[in-house]
Amino acid sequence: MSNQETQVSSLPMPPERYIANYTEENIRRNRAPRPPPPPSQHEVYSMFGIQYNNDEMIRSLESQNIKRLIPIHFDRRKELKKLNHSLLVNFLDLIDFLILNPDSPRRTEKIDDLSLLFVNMHHLLNEFRPHQARETLRVMMEMQKRQRVETATRFQKHLEKVREIVNTAFSALPVLPEDDDNGGAKIKTEVDPLEANSAAKNDPSYQHDRMLCKLVDAIE
């Protein structure tokens, strides 16, 4: 039984299987499955039964035992056009075989040729994925930069408007008269009698003034 091959689906499970694991009760009780950690740099992981390595983002055709129709050094635009023309020619040939001789063994050969052409074209398009990811990240960062610059510009405009309002409010305040040394309004302050008495006791003439006040009171 150890040599028995494991059947792995090439497609993910239906959404209902995932929804059942992430119910509100499972999330509240912390029973929802956690996402797997990202693989390390040189770790080999399996996805849908196929082994992948982080060292190579796109597996080569040779590693998948697929015949390579594209040269090592090539112009992607020209090769895509060649593959597209080959697909059209082989498709027309397949239609001719189906019309003239449906039982011909060349029919299966043309189907295999079409499959090989599609695989090579798909692989060639997948080689643009890293470039697409970099461009997507660049556009995303440019959008974030533009949004932050616009936010800073709006904040600066609001700040200048607030400063203008504050300056206008200060300009509208009435001007108070300034007091000079020769005269003018004097500010009266109330002094606590207890504090005044405590301060007067420290004066040397306090006892003398006190005696004079008692003498005047006795004369009256």
N, C-alpha and C. Protein backbone atom coordinates (compact mmCIF):
# COMPACT_ATOMS: atom_id res chain seq x y z
N MET A 1 0.81 -1.21 0.00
CA MET A 1 0.00 0.00 0.00
C MET A 1 0.85 1.27 0.00
N SER A 2 2.16 1.12 0.36
CA SER A 2 3.02 2.31 0.42
C SER A 2 3.30 2.86 -0.96
N ASN A 3 3.24 2.00 -2.01
CA ASN A 3 3.50 2.45 -3.37
C ASN A 3 2.25 2.97 -4.06
N GLN A 4 1.12 2.99 -3.35
CA GLN A 4 -0.11 3.45 -3.95
C GLN A 4 -0.07 4.95 -4.17
N GLU A 5 -0.46 5.39 -5.37
CA GLU A 5 -0.42 6.80 -5.68
C GLU A 5 -1.58 7.52 -5.01
N THR A 6 -1.31 8.73 -4.57
CA THR A 6 -2.33 9.54 -3.92
C THR A 6 -3.07 10.37 -4.95
N GLN A 7 -4.37 10.28 -4.93
CA GLN A 7 -5.19 11.05 -5.85
C GLN A 7 -5.36 12.46 -5.31
N VAL A 8 -4.90 13.44 -6.06
CA VAL A 8 -4.97 14.85 -5.66
C VAL A 8 -5.74 15.60 -6.73
N SER A 9 -6.70 16.40 -6.29
CA SER A 9 -7.49 17.18 -7.23
C SER A 9 -6.68 18.36 -7.75
N SER A 10 -6.88 18.67 -9.02
CA SER A 10 -6.19 19.82 -9.61
C SER A 10 -6.91 21.13 -9.34
N LEU A 11 -8.05 21.07 -8.65
CA LEU A 11 -8.82 22.26 -8.33
C LEU A 11 -9.04 22.32 -6.83
N PRO A 12 -9.21 23.51 -6.27
CA PRO A 12 -9.49 23.60 -4.82
C PRO A 12 -10.87 23.08 -4.48
N MET A 13 -11.10 22.90 -3.18
CA MET A 13 -12.40 22.43 -2.73
C MET A 13 -13.46 23.48 -2.98
N PRO A 14 -14.73 23.09 -3.04
CA PRO A 14 -15.80 24.09 -3.21
C PRO A 14 -15.82 25.07 -2.05
N PRO A 15 -16.35 26.28 -2.27
CA PRO A 15 -16.37 27.29 -1.19
C PRO A 15 -17.13 26.84 0.05
N GLU A 16 -18.14 25.97 -0.11
CA GLU A 16 -18.91 25.54 1.06
C GLU A 16 -18.04 24.82 2.08
N ARG A 17 -17.02 24.11 1.61
CA ARG A 17 -16.13 23.40 2.54
C ARG A 17 -15.34 24.38 3.39
N TYR A 18 -14.96 25.51 2.83
CA TYR A 18 -14.22 26.51 3.58
C TYR A 18 -15.15 27.32 4.49
N ILE A 19 -16.35 27.63 3.98
CA ILE A 19 -17.29 28.42 4.77
C ILE A 19 -17.67 27.69 6.05
N ALA A 20 -17.81 26.36 5.96
CA ALA A 20 -18.20 25.59 7.14
C ALA A 20 -17.14 25.64 8.24
N ASN A 21 -15.88 25.86 7.88
CA ASN A 21 -14.81 25.93 8.89
C ASN A 21 -14.69 27.30 9.53
N TYR A 22 -15.23 28.33 8.87
CA TYR A 22 -15.06 29.70 9.36
C TYR A 22 -16.41 30.30 9.76
N THR A 23 -17.16 29.56 10.55
CA THR A 23 -18.41 30.08 11.08
C THR A 23 -18.12 31.06 12.21
N GLU A 24 -19.12 31.82 12.62
CA GLU A 24 -18.94 32.79 13.70
C GLU A 24 -18.60 32.09 15.02
N GLU A 25 -19.19 30.93 15.23
CA GLU A 25 -18.89 30.21 16.47
C GLU A 25 -17.45 29.71 16.48
N ASN A 26 -16.98 29.18 15.35
CA ASN A 26 -15.59 28.71 15.29
C ASN A 26 -14.61 29.86 15.46
N ILE A 27 -14.93 31.01 14.88
CA ILE A 27 -14.05 32.17 15.03
C ILE A 27 -14.06 32.68 16.46
N ARG A 28 -15.25 32.69 17.09
CA ARG A 28 -15.34 33.17 18.48
C ARG A 28 -14.60 32.25 19.43
N ARG A 29 -14.65 30.95 19.18
CA ARG A 29 -13.96 29.97 20.03
C ARG A 29 -12.53 29.69 19.57
N ASN A 30 -12.08 30.43 18.56
CA ASN A 30 -10.70 30.27 18.05
C ASN A 30 -10.45 28.86 17.54
N ARG A 31 -11.45 28.30 16.87
CA ARG A 31 -11.32 26.96 16.29
C ARG A 31 -11.22 26.99 14.78
N ALA A 32 -11.22 28.19 14.19
CA ALA A 32 -11.08 28.29 12.74
C ALA A 32 -9.65 27.96 12.34
N PRO A 33 -9.46 27.20 11.27
CA PRO A 33 -8.08 26.85 10.87
C PRO A 33 -7.25 28.08 10.51
N ARG A 34 -6.02 28.06 10.95
CA ARG A 34 -5.09 29.15 10.67
C ARG A 34 -4.51 29.00 9.26
N PRO A 35 -4.18 30.11 8.60
CA PRO A 35 -3.52 29.99 7.29
C PRO A 35 -2.12 29.43 7.46
N PRO A 36 -1.66 28.64 6.53
CA PRO A 36 -0.31 28.06 6.66
C PRO A 36 0.75 29.14 6.57
N PRO A 37 1.87 28.97 7.24
CA PRO A 37 2.94 29.97 7.16
C PRO A 37 3.55 29.98 5.76
N PRO A 38 4.06 31.11 5.32
CA PRO A 38 4.70 31.15 3.99
C PRO A 38 5.95 30.30 3.98
N PRO A 39 6.22 29.62 2.88
CA PRO A 39 7.42 28.76 2.82
C PRO A 39 8.69 29.59 2.86
N SER A 40 9.73 28.98 3.36
CA SER A 40 11.02 29.66 3.42
C SER A 40 11.63 29.75 2.03
N GLN A 41 12.83 30.29 1.97
CA GLN A 41 13.42 30.60 0.68
C GLN A 41 13.71 29.34 -0.14
N HIS A 42 14.27 28.32 0.49
CA HIS A 42 14.66 27.11 -0.25
C HIS A 42 13.73 25.93 0.07
N GLU A 43 12.59 26.20 0.62
CA GLU A 43 11.68 25.11 0.99
C GLU A 43 10.90 24.64 -0.23
N VAL A 44 10.71 23.33 -0.30
CA VAL A 44 9.92 22.72 -1.37
C VAL A 44 8.53 22.44 -0.81
N TYR A 45 7.50 22.92 -1.50
CA TYR A 45 6.12 22.73 -1.04
C TYR A 45 5.30 22.11 -2.16
N SER A 46 4.16 21.55 -1.78
CA SER A 46 3.28 20.86 -2.72
C SER A 46 1.98 21.64 -2.86
N MET A 47 1.54 21.83 -4.08
CA MET A 47 0.27 22.50 -4.35
C MET A 47 -0.46 21.72 -5.44
N PHE A 48 -1.63 21.17 -5.03
CA PHE A 48 -2.43 20.34 -5.93
C PHE A 48 -1.62 19.16 -6.46
N GLY A 49 -0.78 18.59 -5.58
CA GLY A 49 -0.02 17.41 -5.95
C GLY A 49 1.24 17.67 -6.73
N ILE A 50 1.60 18.92 -6.98
CA ILE A 50 2.79 19.27 -7.76
C ILE A 50 3.80 19.94 -6.83
N GLN A 51 5.05 19.48 -6.91
CA GLN A 51 6.11 20.03 -6.08
C GLN A 51 6.64 21.33 -6.68
N TYR A 52 6.76 22.35 -5.82
CA TYR A 52 7.27 23.65 -6.23
C TYR A 52 8.44 24.04 -5.35
N ASN A 53 9.32 24.84 -5.91
CA ASN A 53 10.49 25.34 -5.19
C ASN A 53 10.51 26.85 -5.32
N ASN A 54 10.82 27.52 -4.21
CA ASN A 54 10.84 28.98 -4.24
C ASN A 54 12.01 29.55 -5.03
N ASP A 55 13.02 28.74 -5.29
CA ASP A 55 14.15 29.23 -6.04
C ASP A 55 13.78 29.58 -7.48
N GLU A 56 12.86 28.83 -8.04
CA GLU A 56 12.39 29.12 -9.40
C GLU A 56 10.89 29.44 -9.34
N MET A 57 10.56 30.65 -9.71
CA MET A 57 9.17 31.08 -9.64
C MET A 57 8.32 30.35 -10.69
N ILE A 58 8.90 30.13 -11.87
CA ILE A 58 8.20 29.45 -12.96
C ILE A 58 9.01 28.22 -13.34
N ARG A 59 8.37 27.09 -13.26
CA ARG A 59 9.06 25.85 -13.60
C ARG A 59 9.33 25.79 -15.10
N SER A 60 10.50 25.29 -15.45
CA SER A 60 10.85 25.16 -16.86
C SER A 60 10.08 24.01 -17.49
N LEU A 61 9.98 24.04 -18.80
CA LEU A 61 9.26 22.98 -19.51
C LEU A 61 10.01 21.66 -19.39
N GLU A 62 11.34 21.72 -19.37
CA GLU A 62 12.11 20.48 -19.27
C GLU A 62 11.88 19.78 -17.94
N SER A 63 11.73 20.57 -16.85
CA SER A 63 11.49 19.95 -15.55
C SER A 63 10.13 19.28 -15.47
N GLN A 64 9.20 19.66 -16.36
CA GLN A 64 7.88 19.05 -16.40
C GLN A 64 7.75 18.00 -17.48
N ASN A 65 8.90 17.63 -18.09
CA ASN A 65 8.92 16.61 -19.15
C ASN A 65 8.02 17.00 -20.33
N ILE A 66 8.11 18.28 -20.70
CA ILE A 66 7.33 18.81 -21.82
C ILE A 66 8.31 19.29 -22.88
N LYS A 67 8.02 18.97 -24.12
CA LYS A 67 8.89 19.38 -25.22
C LYS A 67 8.87 20.88 -25.37
N ARG A 68 10.03 21.45 -25.50
CA ARG A 68 10.15 22.91 -25.62
C ARG A 68 10.22 23.29 -27.09
N LEU A 69 9.29 24.13 -27.52
CA LEU A 69 9.26 24.63 -28.89
C LEU A 69 9.87 26.01 -29.02
N ILE A 70 10.21 26.61 -27.90
CA ILE A 70 10.75 27.96 -27.90
C ILE A 70 12.25 27.89 -27.69
N PRO A 71 13.03 28.64 -28.44
CA PRO A 71 14.49 28.62 -28.20
C PRO A 71 14.84 29.26 -26.86
N ILE A 72 16.10 29.08 -26.46
CA ILE A 72 16.55 29.62 -25.18
C ILE A 72 16.58 31.14 -25.22
N HIS A 73 17.17 31.70 -26.25
CA HIS A 73 17.25 33.15 -26.42
C HIS A 73 16.31 33.53 -27.56
N PHE A 74 15.34 34.34 -27.24
CA PHE A 74 14.30 34.63 -28.23
C PHE A 74 13.63 35.96 -27.89
N ASP A 75 12.88 36.44 -28.87
CA ASP A 75 12.04 37.61 -28.69
C ASP A 75 10.62 37.12 -28.41
N ARG A 76 10.11 37.45 -27.25
CA ARG A 76 8.81 36.92 -26.82
C ARG A 76 7.69 37.33 -27.77
N ARG A 77 7.74 38.53 -28.27
CA ARG A 77 6.67 38.97 -29.16
C ARG A 77 6.66 38.17 -30.45
N LYS A 78 7.84 37.96 -31.02
CA LYS A 78 7.91 37.18 -32.26
C LYS A 78 7.51 35.73 -32.03
N GLU A 79 7.95 35.14 -30.91
CA GLU A 79 7.63 33.75 -30.64
C GLU A 79 6.14 33.57 -30.37
N LEU A 80 5.51 34.53 -29.72
CA LEU A 80 4.06 34.44 -29.50
C LEU A 80 3.31 34.50 -30.83
N LYS A 81 3.77 35.34 -31.73
CA LYS A 81 3.13 35.40 -33.05
C LYS A 81 3.31 34.08 -33.81
N LYS A 82 4.52 33.50 -33.72
CA LYS A 82 4.77 32.22 -34.38
C LYS A 82 3.87 31.12 -33.82
N LEU A 83 3.77 31.08 -32.49
CA LEU A 83 2.92 30.06 -31.88
C LEU A 83 1.45 30.26 -32.25
N ASN A 84 1.03 31.52 -32.32
CA ASN A 84 -0.35 31.78 -32.70
C ASN A 84 -0.62 31.34 -34.13
N HIS A 85 0.30 31.61 -35.04
CA HIS A 85 0.14 31.16 -36.44
C HIS A 85 0.13 29.64 -36.52
N SER A 86 1.02 29.01 -35.75
CA SER A 86 1.06 27.54 -35.76
C SER A 86 -0.23 26.96 -35.23
N LEU A 87 -0.81 27.59 -34.22
CA LEU A 87 -2.09 27.12 -33.70
C LEU A 87 -3.18 27.20 -34.77
N LEU A 88 -3.22 28.29 -35.50
CA LEU A 88 -4.24 28.44 -36.55
C LEU A 88 -4.06 27.40 -37.65
N VAL A 89 -2.80 27.21 -38.06
CA VAL A 89 -2.55 26.23 -39.13
C VAL A 89 -2.91 24.83 -38.68
N ASN A 90 -2.51 24.43 -37.49
CA ASN A 90 -2.84 23.10 -37.01
C ASN A 90 -4.33 22.92 -36.77
N PHE A 91 -4.99 23.97 -36.37
CA PHE A 91 -6.44 23.87 -36.19
C PHE A 91 -7.14 23.67 -37.53
N LEU A 92 -6.69 24.37 -38.56
CA LEU A 92 -7.28 24.17 -39.89
C LEU A 92 -6.98 22.77 -40.41
N ASP A 93 -5.79 22.28 -40.15
CA ASP A 93 -5.47 20.90 -40.55
C ASP A 93 -6.36 19.90 -39.83
N LEU A 94 -6.62 20.13 -38.56
CA LEU A 94 -7.48 19.23 -37.81
C LEU A 94 -8.90 19.24 -38.37
N ILE A 95 -9.37 20.42 -38.77
CA ILE A 95 -10.71 20.48 -39.37
C ILE A 95 -10.75 19.71 -40.68
N ASP A 96 -9.68 19.81 -41.49
CA ASP A 96 -9.62 19.05 -42.75
C ASP A 96 -9.66 17.55 -42.49
N PHE A 97 -8.94 17.08 -41.50
CA PHE A 97 -8.95 15.65 -41.18
C PHE A 97 -10.33 15.21 -40.70
N LEU A 98 -10.97 16.05 -39.91
CA LEU A 98 -12.30 15.69 -39.43
C LEU A 98 -13.32 15.64 -40.55
N ILE A 99 -13.11 16.45 -41.58
CA ILE A 99 -14.06 16.46 -42.69
C ILE A 99 -13.78 15.32 -43.67
N LEU A 100 -12.50 15.17 -44.02
CA LEU A 100 -12.15 14.19 -45.05
C LEU A 100 -12.01 12.77 -44.49
N ASN A 101 -11.33 12.64 -43.38
CA ASN A 101 -11.09 11.30 -42.84
C ASN A 101 -11.08 11.37 -41.31
N PRO A 102 -12.26 11.29 -40.70
CA PRO A 102 -12.32 11.41 -39.23
C PRO A 102 -11.58 10.31 -38.49
N ASP A 103 -11.44 9.14 -39.09
CA ASP A 103 -10.79 8.02 -38.41
C ASP A 103 -9.29 7.98 -38.63
N SER A 104 -8.74 8.98 -39.25
CA SER A 104 -7.31 8.99 -39.54
C SER A 104 -6.52 9.15 -38.23
N PRO A 105 -5.40 8.44 -38.10
CA PRO A 105 -4.57 8.60 -36.89
C PRO A 105 -3.90 9.98 -36.82
N ARG A 106 -3.87 10.68 -37.94
CA ARG A 106 -3.31 12.03 -37.92
C ARG A 106 -4.16 12.99 -37.08
N ARG A 107 -5.40 12.60 -36.87
CA ARG A 107 -6.28 13.47 -36.08
C ARG A 107 -5.77 13.59 -34.64
N THR A 108 -5.43 12.46 -34.04
CA THR A 108 -4.90 12.51 -32.67
C THR A 108 -3.54 13.21 -32.62
N GLU A 109 -2.75 13.05 -33.68
CA GLU A 109 -1.47 13.75 -33.71
C GLU A 109 -1.67 15.26 -33.73
N LYS A 110 -2.64 15.73 -34.51
CA LYS A 110 -2.91 17.15 -34.56
C LYS A 110 -3.43 17.67 -33.22
N ILE A 111 -4.22 16.85 -32.55
CA ILE A 111 -4.71 17.25 -31.22
C ILE A 111 -3.55 17.37 -30.24
N ASP A 112 -2.62 16.42 -30.30
CA ASP A 112 -1.44 16.49 -29.44
C ASP A 112 -0.58 17.70 -29.78
N ASP A 113 -0.44 18.00 -31.08
CA ASP A 113 0.33 19.18 -31.48
C ASP A 113 -0.32 20.46 -30.96
N LEU A 114 -1.63 20.53 -31.05
CA LEU A 114 -2.33 21.70 -30.53
C LEU A 114 -2.14 21.85 -29.02
N SER A 115 -2.20 20.73 -28.30
CA SER A 115 -1.99 20.78 -26.84
C SER A 115 -0.58 21.26 -26.52
N LEU A 116 0.42 20.75 -27.27
CA LEU A 116 1.80 21.17 -27.03
C LEU A 116 1.98 22.65 -27.33
N LEU A 117 1.37 23.13 -28.39
CA LEU A 117 1.46 24.56 -28.72
C LEU A 117 0.81 25.42 -27.65
N PHE A 118 -0.34 24.98 -27.16
CA PHE A 118 -1.00 25.74 -26.10
C PHE A 118 -0.16 25.76 -24.82
N VAL A 119 0.47 24.66 -24.48
CA VAL A 119 1.29 24.60 -23.27
C VAL A 119 2.49 25.55 -23.40
N ASN A 120 3.13 25.55 -24.56
CA ASN A 120 4.28 26.44 -24.76
C ASN A 120 3.86 27.90 -24.74
N MET A 121 2.71 28.19 -25.34
CA MET A 121 2.23 29.57 -25.31
C MET A 121 1.87 29.99 -23.89
N HIS A 122 1.25 29.09 -23.17
CA HIS A 122 0.89 29.39 -21.77
C HIS A 122 2.15 29.60 -20.94
N HIS A 123 3.16 28.79 -21.15
CA HIS A 123 4.42 28.96 -20.42
C HIS A 123 5.08 30.28 -20.77
N LEU A 124 5.03 30.65 -22.05
CA LEU A 124 5.63 31.91 -22.46
C LEU A 124 4.91 33.10 -21.83
N LEU A 125 3.61 33.01 -21.73
CA LEU A 125 2.84 34.08 -21.08
C LEU A 125 3.12 34.12 -19.57
N ASN A 126 3.31 32.95 -18.97
CA ASN A 126 3.59 32.92 -17.53
C ASN A 126 4.94 33.56 -17.19
N GLU A 127 5.85 33.58 -18.14
CA GLU A 127 7.14 34.20 -17.88
C GLU A 127 7.01 35.71 -17.72
N PHE A 128 5.87 36.28 -18.11
CA PHE A 128 5.63 37.71 -17.88
C PHE A 128 5.07 37.98 -16.49
N ARG A 129 4.76 36.94 -15.72
CA ARG A 129 4.14 37.14 -14.40
C ARG A 129 5.03 37.93 -13.45
N PRO A 130 6.34 37.63 -13.34
CA PRO A 130 7.17 38.46 -12.43
C PRO A 130 7.19 39.93 -12.83
N HIS A 131 7.28 40.18 -14.14
CA HIS A 131 7.23 41.57 -14.60
C HIS A 131 5.89 42.20 -14.28
N GLN A 132 4.81 41.43 -14.47
CA GLN A 132 3.48 41.96 -14.14
C GLN A 132 3.36 42.26 -12.64
N ALA A 133 3.92 41.37 -11.81
CA ALA A 133 3.85 41.61 -10.36
C ALA A 133 4.63 42.86 -9.98
N ARG A 134 5.80 43.06 -10.57
CA ARG A 134 6.59 44.27 -10.27
C ARG A 134 5.86 45.52 -10.74
N GLU A 135 5.26 45.47 -11.92
CA GLU A 135 4.54 46.63 -12.42
C GLU A 135 3.31 46.92 -11.57
N THR A 136 2.62 45.86 -11.14
CA THR A 136 1.45 46.06 -10.27
C THR A 136 1.87 46.71 -8.95
N LEU A 137 2.98 46.24 -8.38
CA LEU A 137 3.47 46.83 -7.13
C LEU A 137 3.90 48.28 -7.35
N ARG A 138 4.54 48.56 -8.48
CA ARG A 138 4.97 49.93 -8.76
C ARG A 138 3.77 50.87 -8.90
N VAL A 139 2.75 50.41 -9.63
CA VAL A 139 1.54 51.23 -9.79
C VAL A 139 0.84 51.44 -8.45
N MET A 140 0.80 50.39 -7.62
CA MET A 140 0.18 50.51 -6.30
C MET A 140 0.92 51.53 -5.44
N MET A 141 2.25 51.48 -5.46
CA MET A 141 3.03 52.43 -4.66
C MET A 141 2.88 53.85 -5.19
N GLU A 142 2.79 54.01 -6.50
CA GLU A 142 2.58 55.34 -7.07
C GLU A 142 1.21 55.88 -6.66
N MET A 143 0.19 55.03 -6.64
CA MET A 143 -1.13 55.47 -6.20
C MET A 143 -1.11 55.90 -4.74
N GLN A 144 -0.43 55.12 -3.88
CA GLN A 144 -0.32 55.50 -2.47
C GLN A 144 0.44 56.81 -2.31
N LYS A 145 1.50 56.99 -3.09
CA LYS A 145 2.26 58.24 -3.02
C LYS A 145 1.39 59.42 -3.45
N ARG A 146 0.62 59.25 -4.54
CA ARG A 146 -0.23 60.34 -5.01
C ARG A 146 -1.31 60.66 -3.99
N GLN A 147 -1.89 59.64 -3.37
CA GLN A 147 -2.92 59.89 -2.35
C GLN A 147 -2.34 60.63 -1.15
N ARG A 148 -1.13 60.25 -0.73
CA ARG A 148 -0.52 60.94 0.41
C ARG A 148 -0.15 62.37 0.07
N VAL A 149 0.33 62.59 -1.15
CA VAL A 149 0.67 63.96 -1.55
C VAL A 149 -0.60 64.81 -1.61
N GLU A 150 -1.69 64.25 -2.15
CA GLU A 150 -2.95 64.99 -2.20
C GLU A 150 -3.47 65.28 -0.79
N THR A 151 -3.34 64.30 0.11
CA THR A 151 -3.78 64.53 1.50
C THR A 151 -2.95 65.62 2.16
N ALA A 152 -1.63 65.60 1.95
CA ALA A 152 -0.77 66.64 2.52
C ALA A 152 -1.09 68.01 1.93
N THR A 153 -1.40 68.06 0.63
CA THR A 153 -1.74 69.33 0.00
C THR A 153 -3.05 69.89 0.55
N ARG A 154 -4.06 69.01 0.72
CA ARG A 154 -5.33 69.46 1.31
C ARG A 154 -5.13 69.93 2.75
N PHE A 155 -4.30 69.22 3.50
CA PHE A 155 -4.03 69.62 4.89
C PHE A 155 -3.35 70.98 4.93
N GLN A 156 -2.41 71.22 4.02
CA GLN A 156 -1.72 72.50 3.98
C GLN A 156 -2.69 73.62 3.64
N LYS A 157 -3.63 73.37 2.72
CA LYS A 157 -4.62 74.39 2.37
C LYS A 157 -5.52 74.70 3.56
N HIS A 158 -5.97 73.65 4.27
CA HIS A 158 -6.80 73.88 5.46
C HIS A 158 -6.02 74.63 6.54
N LEU A 159 -4.74 74.31 6.68
CA LEU A 159 -3.93 74.99 7.69
C LEU A 159 -3.79 76.47 7.35
N GLU A 160 -3.55 76.79 6.08
CA GLU A 160 -3.45 78.20 5.69
C GLU A 160 -4.78 78.92 5.90
N LYS A 161 -5.89 78.24 5.63
CA LYS A 161 -7.20 78.86 5.83
C LYS A 161 -7.45 79.13 7.31
N VAL A 162 -7.06 78.17 8.17
CA VAL A 162 -7.23 78.37 9.62
C VAL A 162 -6.36 79.53 10.10
N ARG A 163 -5.14 79.62 9.61
CA ARG A 163 -4.28 80.73 10.00
C ARG A 163 -4.88 82.07 9.56
N GLU A 164 -5.46 82.11 8.37
CA GLU A 164 -6.09 83.34 7.90
C GLU A 164 -7.27 83.72 8.78
N ILE A 165 -8.08 82.73 9.18
CA ILE A 165 -9.22 83.01 10.05
C ILE A 165 -8.75 83.52 11.40
N VAL A 166 -7.71 82.91 11.97
CA VAL A 166 -7.19 83.35 13.27
C VAL A 166 -6.63 84.76 13.18
N ASN A 167 -5.89 85.06 12.11
CA ASN A 167 -5.34 86.41 11.95
C ASN A 167 -6.45 87.44 11.79
N THR A 168 -7.51 87.09 11.05
CA THR A 168 -8.64 88.01 10.91
C THR A 168 -9.33 88.24 12.23
N ALA A 169 -9.47 87.19 13.04
CA ALA A 169 -10.10 87.34 14.36
C ALA A 169 -9.27 88.23 15.27
N PHE A 170 -7.94 88.10 15.23
CA PHE A 170 -7.08 88.96 16.05
C PHE A 170 -7.15 90.41 15.58
N SER A 171 -7.26 90.62 14.27
CA SER A 171 -7.35 91.98 13.76
C SER A 171 -8.64 92.66 14.16
N ALA A 172 -9.72 91.87 14.35
CA ALA A 172 -11.02 92.43 14.72
C ALA A 172 -11.14 92.72 16.20
N LEU A 173 -10.20 92.33 17.03
CA LEU A 173 -10.28 92.59 18.47
C LEU A 173 -10.11 94.08 18.75
N PRO A 174 -10.86 94.67 19.75
CA PRO A 174 -10.70 96.10 20.08
C PRO A 174 -9.36 96.36 20.76
N VAL A 175 -8.84 97.57 20.54
CA VAL A 175 -7.55 97.96 21.13
C VAL A 175 -7.79 98.54 22.51
N LEU A 176 -7.16 98.02 23.56
CA LEU A 176 -7.31 98.51 24.93
C LEU A 176 -6.39 99.69 25.17
N PRO A 177 -6.86 100.74 26.00
CA PRO A 177 -5.97 101.90 26.29
C PRO A 177 -4.80 101.48 27.16
N GLU A 178 -3.66 102.08 26.86
CA GLU A 178 -2.44 101.75 27.60
C GLU A 178 -2.26 102.75 28.75
N ASP A 179 -1.94 102.31 29.97
CA ASP A 179 -1.72 103.15 31.15
C ASP A 179 -0.28 103.63 31.16
N ASP A 180 -0.11 104.92 31.55
CA ASP A 180 1.25 105.46 31.68
C ASP A 180 1.59 105.67 33.15
N ASP A 181 2.78 106.19 33.41
CA ASP A 181 3.24 106.38 34.80
C ASP A 181 2.61 107.58 35.47
N ASN A 182 2.17 108.63 34.71
CA ASN A 182 1.65 109.87 35.30
C ASN A 182 0.18 109.77 35.69
N GLY A 183 -0.54 108.89 35.18
CA GLY A 183 -1.96 108.80 35.51
C GLY A 183 -2.60 107.69 34.73
N GLY A 184 -3.92 107.69 34.74
CA GLY A 184 -4.65 106.67 34.03
C GLY A 184 -5.42 105.81 34.99
N ALA A 185 -6.05 104.85 34.40
CA ALA A 185 -6.87 103.97 35.23
C ALA A 185 -5.96 103.09 36.06
N LYS A 186 -6.31 103.02 37.34
CA LYS A 186 -5.55 102.18 38.27
C LYS A 186 -6.37 100.94 38.59
N ILE A 187 -5.71 99.85 38.64
CA ILE A 187 -6.37 98.59 38.92
C ILE A 187 -6.41 98.40 40.41
N LYS A 188 -7.62 98.21 40.93
CA LYS A 188 -7.81 98.00 42.36
C LYS A 188 -7.78 96.52 42.65
N THR A 189 -7.04 96.17 43.62
CA THR A 189 -6.96 94.77 44.02
C THR A 189 -7.45 94.64 45.44
N GLU A 190 -8.14 93.58 45.68
CA GLU A 190 -8.65 93.30 47.02
C GLU A 190 -7.63 92.48 47.77
N VAL A 191 -7.36 92.89 49.00
CA VAL A 191 -6.37 92.21 49.82
C VAL A 191 -7.08 91.60 51.00
N ASP A 192 -6.74 90.40 51.29
CA ASP A 192 -7.33 89.71 52.43
C ASP A 192 -6.85 90.39 53.72
N PRO A 193 -7.78 90.79 54.63
CA PRO A 193 -7.34 91.45 55.88
C PRO A 193 -6.40 90.62 56.70
N LEU A 194 -6.62 89.35 56.76
CA LEU A 194 -5.73 88.49 57.55
C LEU A 194 -4.32 88.52 57.00
N GLU A 195 -4.23 88.49 55.63
CA GLU A 195 -2.91 88.54 55.04
C GLU A 195 -2.27 89.91 55.27
N ALA A 196 -3.10 90.99 55.21
CA ALA A 196 -2.55 92.33 55.45
C ALA A 196 -2.04 92.47 56.87
N ASN A 197 -2.78 91.98 57.86
CA ASN A 197 -2.35 92.05 59.26
C ASN A 197 -1.08 91.25 59.49
N SER A 198 -1.03 90.10 58.90
CA SER A 198 0.17 89.28 59.10
C SER A 198 1.39 89.94 58.48
N ALA A 199 1.13 90.67 57.36
CA ALA A 199 2.27 91.37 56.75
C ALA A 199 2.65 92.60 57.54
N ALA A 200 1.62 93.29 58.18
CA ALA A 200 1.92 94.51 58.95
C ALA A 200 2.68 94.21 60.22
N LYS A 201 2.48 93.07 60.81
CA LYS A 201 3.18 92.72 62.05
C LYS A 201 4.68 92.68 61.86
N ASN A 202 5.12 92.45 60.66
CA ASN A 202 6.55 92.42 60.39
C ASN A 202 7.15 93.82 60.29
N ASP A 203 6.24 94.86 60.19
CA ASP A 203 6.73 96.24 60.09
C ASP A 203 7.11 96.76 61.51
N PRO A 204 8.26 97.44 61.72
CA PRO A 204 8.65 97.92 63.08
C PRO A 204 7.71 98.99 63.63
N SER A 205 7.08 99.80 62.74
CA SER A 205 6.19 100.87 63.23
C SER A 205 4.77 100.38 63.50
N TYR A 206 4.59 99.06 63.38
CA TYR A 206 3.23 98.54 63.59
C TYR A 206 2.78 98.76 65.03
N GLN A 207 3.63 98.48 66.02
CA GLN A 207 3.26 98.64 67.44
C GLN A 207 3.01 100.12 67.79
N HIS A 208 3.80 101.03 67.22
CA HIS A 208 3.62 102.46 67.49
C HIS A 208 2.30 102.97 66.95
N ASP A 209 1.96 102.56 65.71
CA ASP A 209 0.68 102.94 65.11
C ASP A 209 -0.47 102.35 65.90
N ARG A 210 -0.24 101.18 66.41
CA ARG A 210 -1.31 100.53 67.18
C ARG A 210 -1.61 101.30 68.47
N MET A 211 -0.58 101.82 69.13
CA MET A 211 -0.76 102.58 70.38
C MET A 211 -1.46 103.90 70.11
N LEU A 212 -1.14 104.57 68.99
CA LEU A 212 -1.79 105.83 68.65
C LEU A 212 -3.27 105.62 68.36
N CYS A 213 -3.58 104.54 67.71
CA CYS A 213 -5.00 104.23 67.41
C CYS A 213 -5.78 104.02 68.70
N LYS A 214 -5.20 103.38 69.69
CA LYS A 214 -5.89 103.15 70.97
C LYS A 214 -6.09 104.45 71.72
N LEU A 215 -5.09 105.37 71.61
CA LEU A 215 -5.21 106.65 72.32
C LEU A 215 -6.32 107.52 71.72
N VAL A 216 -6.43 107.50 70.39
CA VAL A 216 -7.49 108.25 69.73
C VAL A 216 -8.85 107.68 70.10
N ASP A 217 -8.95 106.38 70.14
CA ASP A 217 -10.22 105.77 70.52
C ASP A 217 -10.61 106.13 71.95
N ALA A 218 -9.62 106.26 72.87
CA ALA A 218 -9.92 106.58 74.27
C ALA A 218 -10.39 108.02 74.39
N ILE A 219 -9.82 108.95 73.56
CA ILE A 219 -10.23 110.34 73.63
C ILE A 219 -11.67 110.50 73.15
N GLU A 220 -12.04 109.83 72.12
CA GLU A 220 -13.41 109.90 71.62
C GLU A 220 -14.38 109.32 72.64
